[in-house]
Each structure stands twice: as structure tokens, then as C-alpha cells.
């Protein structure tokens, strides 16, 4: 697979503010995302969230990498 094809298959490395998450992705809904943020130290999602003051940003690539890794662990 070429580098360009790999780049198209992976989410970009953008940081998305929580209130704007559902403009880019339908899952999880904002309430579910906030639940993941609140329990990030327990559920393994801590690396996907960046805090800037009171604002929480979601590292899109890291978020879906964690989802994939947790999905692989269940098989």
C-alpha cells in the first residue's frame, strides 16, 4: 500500500473540541464522549484527550487508534 493510500485510510491528526465532535463523527454522541472523558484514566482513553485550560480537545487519530486497540483485545 502506498503512503498516500495509507494516509487516506487513517483519520487526520486534528484536535476537535468536544462540542464540535458530532459535526465530524456520529459516534459517540456528545454525552457518550463526555462519559469517556470523565472516566479516561480508567477506560484507557486518557491519551486521546488534550486539555487546554478548561477546554477539552479530542485527538482524532489517537481516539480511533484506542478504539481499534480495544476492539482487537476483545477477539
C-alpha atoms as a PDB file:
ATOM      1  CA  UNK A   1       0.000   0.000   0.000  1.00  0.00           C
ATOM      2  CA  UNK A   2       1.364   3.402  -0.905  1.00  0.00           C
ATOM      3  CA  UNK A   3       1.894   6.142   1.641  1.00  0.00           C
ATOM      4  CA  UNK A   4      -0.904   8.183   0.048  1.00  0.00           C
ATOM      5  CA  UNK A   5      -3.345   5.264   0.340  1.00  0.00           C
ATOM      6  CA  UNK A   6      -2.383   4.690   3.976  1.00  0.00           C
ATOM      7  CA  UNK A   7      -2.910   8.363   4.741  1.00  0.00           C
ATOM      8  CA  UNK A   8      -6.413   8.249   3.244  1.00  0.00           C
ATOM      9  CA  UNK A   9      -7.351   5.247   5.420  1.00  0.00           C
ATOM     10  CA  UNK A  10      -6.283   6.893   8.681  1.00  0.00           C
ATOM     11  CA  UNK A  11      -8.093   9.761  10.347  1.00  0.00           C
ATOM     12  CA  UNK A  12      -6.230  13.038  10.268  1.00  0.00           C
ATOM     13  CA  UNK A  13      -4.324  14.215  13.309  1.00  0.00           C
ATOM     14  CA  UNK A  14      -6.681  17.060  14.101  1.00  0.00           C
ATOM     15  CA  UNK A  15      -7.776  18.189  17.519  1.00  0.00           C
ATOM     16  CA  UNK A  16     -11.547  18.553  17.714  1.00  0.00           C
ATOM     17  CA  UNK A  17     -13.264  20.479  20.520  1.00  0.00           C
ATOM     18  CA  UNK A  18     -15.862  18.305  22.283  1.00  0.00           C
ATOM     19  CA  UNK A  19     -18.860  20.493  21.277  1.00  0.00           C
ATOM     20  CA  UNK A  20     -17.838  20.134  17.597  1.00  0.00           C
ATOM     21  CA  UNK A  21     -17.183  16.369  17.678  1.00  0.00           C
ATOM     22  CA  UNK A  22     -20.550  15.398  16.190  1.00  0.00           C
ATOM     23  CA  UNK A  23     -20.027  17.736  13.241  1.00  0.00           C
ATOM     24  CA  UNK A  24     -17.246  15.340  12.212  1.00  0.00           C
ATOM     25  CA  UNK A  25     -18.344  11.966  13.613  1.00  0.00           C
ATOM     26  CA  UNK A  26     -21.718  10.491  14.511  1.00  0.00           C
ATOM     27  CA  UNK A  27     -20.272   8.199  17.198  1.00  0.00           C
ATOM     28  CA  UNK A  28     -20.038   8.589  20.104  1.00  0.00           C
ATOM     29  CA  UNK A  29     -22.679  11.211  20.780  1.00  0.00           C
ATOM     30  CA  UNK A  30     -21.511  14.169  22.858  1.00  0.00           C
ATOM     31  CA  UNK A  31     -22.853  12.697  26.108  1.00  0.00           C
ATOM     32  CA  UNK A  32     -21.018   9.432  25.493  1.00  0.00           C
ATOM     33  CA  UNK A  33     -17.849  11.325  24.653  1.00  0.00           C
ATOM     34  CA  UNK A  34     -18.096  13.287  27.906  1.00  0.00           C
ATOM     35  CA  UNK A  35     -18.506   9.992  29.775  1.00  0.00           C
ATOM     36  CA  UNK A  36     -15.298   8.718  28.152  1.00  0.00           C
ATOM     37  CA  UNK A  37     -13.526  11.948  29.138  1.00  0.00           C
ATOM     38  CA  UNK A  38     -14.740  11.769  32.742  1.00  0.00           C
ATOM     39  CA  UNK A  39     -13.513   8.165  33.065  1.00  0.00           C
ATOM     40  CA  UNK A  40     -10.452   8.495  30.804  1.00  0.00           C
ATOM     41  CA  UNK A  41      -7.960   7.337  33.450  1.00  0.00           C
ATOM     42  CA  UNK A  42      -9.961   4.137  33.982  1.00  0.00           C
ATOM     43  CA  UNK A  43     -11.075   3.267  30.444  1.00  0.00           C
ATOM     44  CA  UNK A  44      -7.766   3.817  28.608  1.00  0.00           C
ATOM     45  CA  UNK A  45      -8.782   6.912  26.624  1.00  0.00           C
ATOM     46  CA  UNK A  46      -6.585   9.403  28.519  1.00  0.00           C
ATOM     47  CA  UNK A  47      -4.110   9.776  25.632  1.00  0.00           C
ATOM     48  CA  UNK A  48      -6.918  10.795  23.256  1.00  0.00           C
ATOM     49  CA  UNK A  49      -7.914  13.913  25.192  1.00  0.00           C
ATOM     50  CA  UNK A  50      -5.880  17.096  25.420  1.00  0.00           C
ATOM     51  CA  UNK A  51      -6.740  19.802  27.919  1.00  0.00           C
ATOM     52  CA  UNK A  52      -6.097  23.462  27.202  1.00  0.00           C
ATOM     53  CA  UNK A  53      -7.341  25.433  30.175  1.00  0.00           C
ATOM     54  CA  UNK A  54     -10.932  24.305  30.674  1.00  0.00           C
ATOM     55  CA  UNK A  55     -11.306  23.231  27.056  1.00  0.00           C
ATOM     56  CA  UNK A  56     -11.004  19.553  26.132  1.00  0.00           C
ATOM     57  CA  UNK A  57      -9.856  18.618  22.639  1.00  0.00           C
ATOM     58  CA  UNK A  58     -10.102  15.148  21.123  1.00  0.00           C
ATOM     59  CA  UNK A  59      -7.064  13.891  19.228  1.00  0.00           C
ATOM     60  CA  UNK A  60      -8.970  12.234  16.402  1.00  0.00           C
ATOM     61  CA  UNK A  61      -6.255   9.789  15.299  1.00  0.00           C
ATOM     62  CA  UNK A  62      -5.428   8.722  18.867  1.00  0.00           C
ATOM     63  CA  UNK A  63      -9.127   8.287  19.729  1.00  0.00           C
ATOM     64  CA  UNK A  64      -9.760   5.858  16.874  1.00  0.00           C
ATOM     65  CA  UNK A  65      -6.447   4.057  17.486  1.00  0.00           C
ATOM     66  CA  UNK A  66      -7.586   3.365  21.058  1.00  0.00           C
ATOM     67  CA  UNK A  67     -11.000   2.211  19.844  1.00  0.00           C
ATOM     68  CA  UNK A  68      -9.286  -0.172  17.403  1.00  0.00           C
ATOM     69  CA  UNK A  69      -6.832  -1.451  20.019  1.00  0.00           C
ATOM     70  CA  UNK A  70      -9.648  -2.138  22.487  1.00  0.00           C
ATOM     71  CA  UNK A  71     -11.628  -3.848  19.746  1.00  0.00           C
ATOM     72  CA  UNK A  72      -8.652  -6.115  18.926  1.00  0.00           C
ATOM     73  CA  UNK A  73      -8.285  -7.035  22.609  1.00  0.00           C
ATOM     74  CA  UNK A  74     -11.800  -8.473  22.691  1.00  0.00           C
ATOM     75  CA  UNK A  75     -11.169 -11.088  19.982  1.00  0.00           C
END
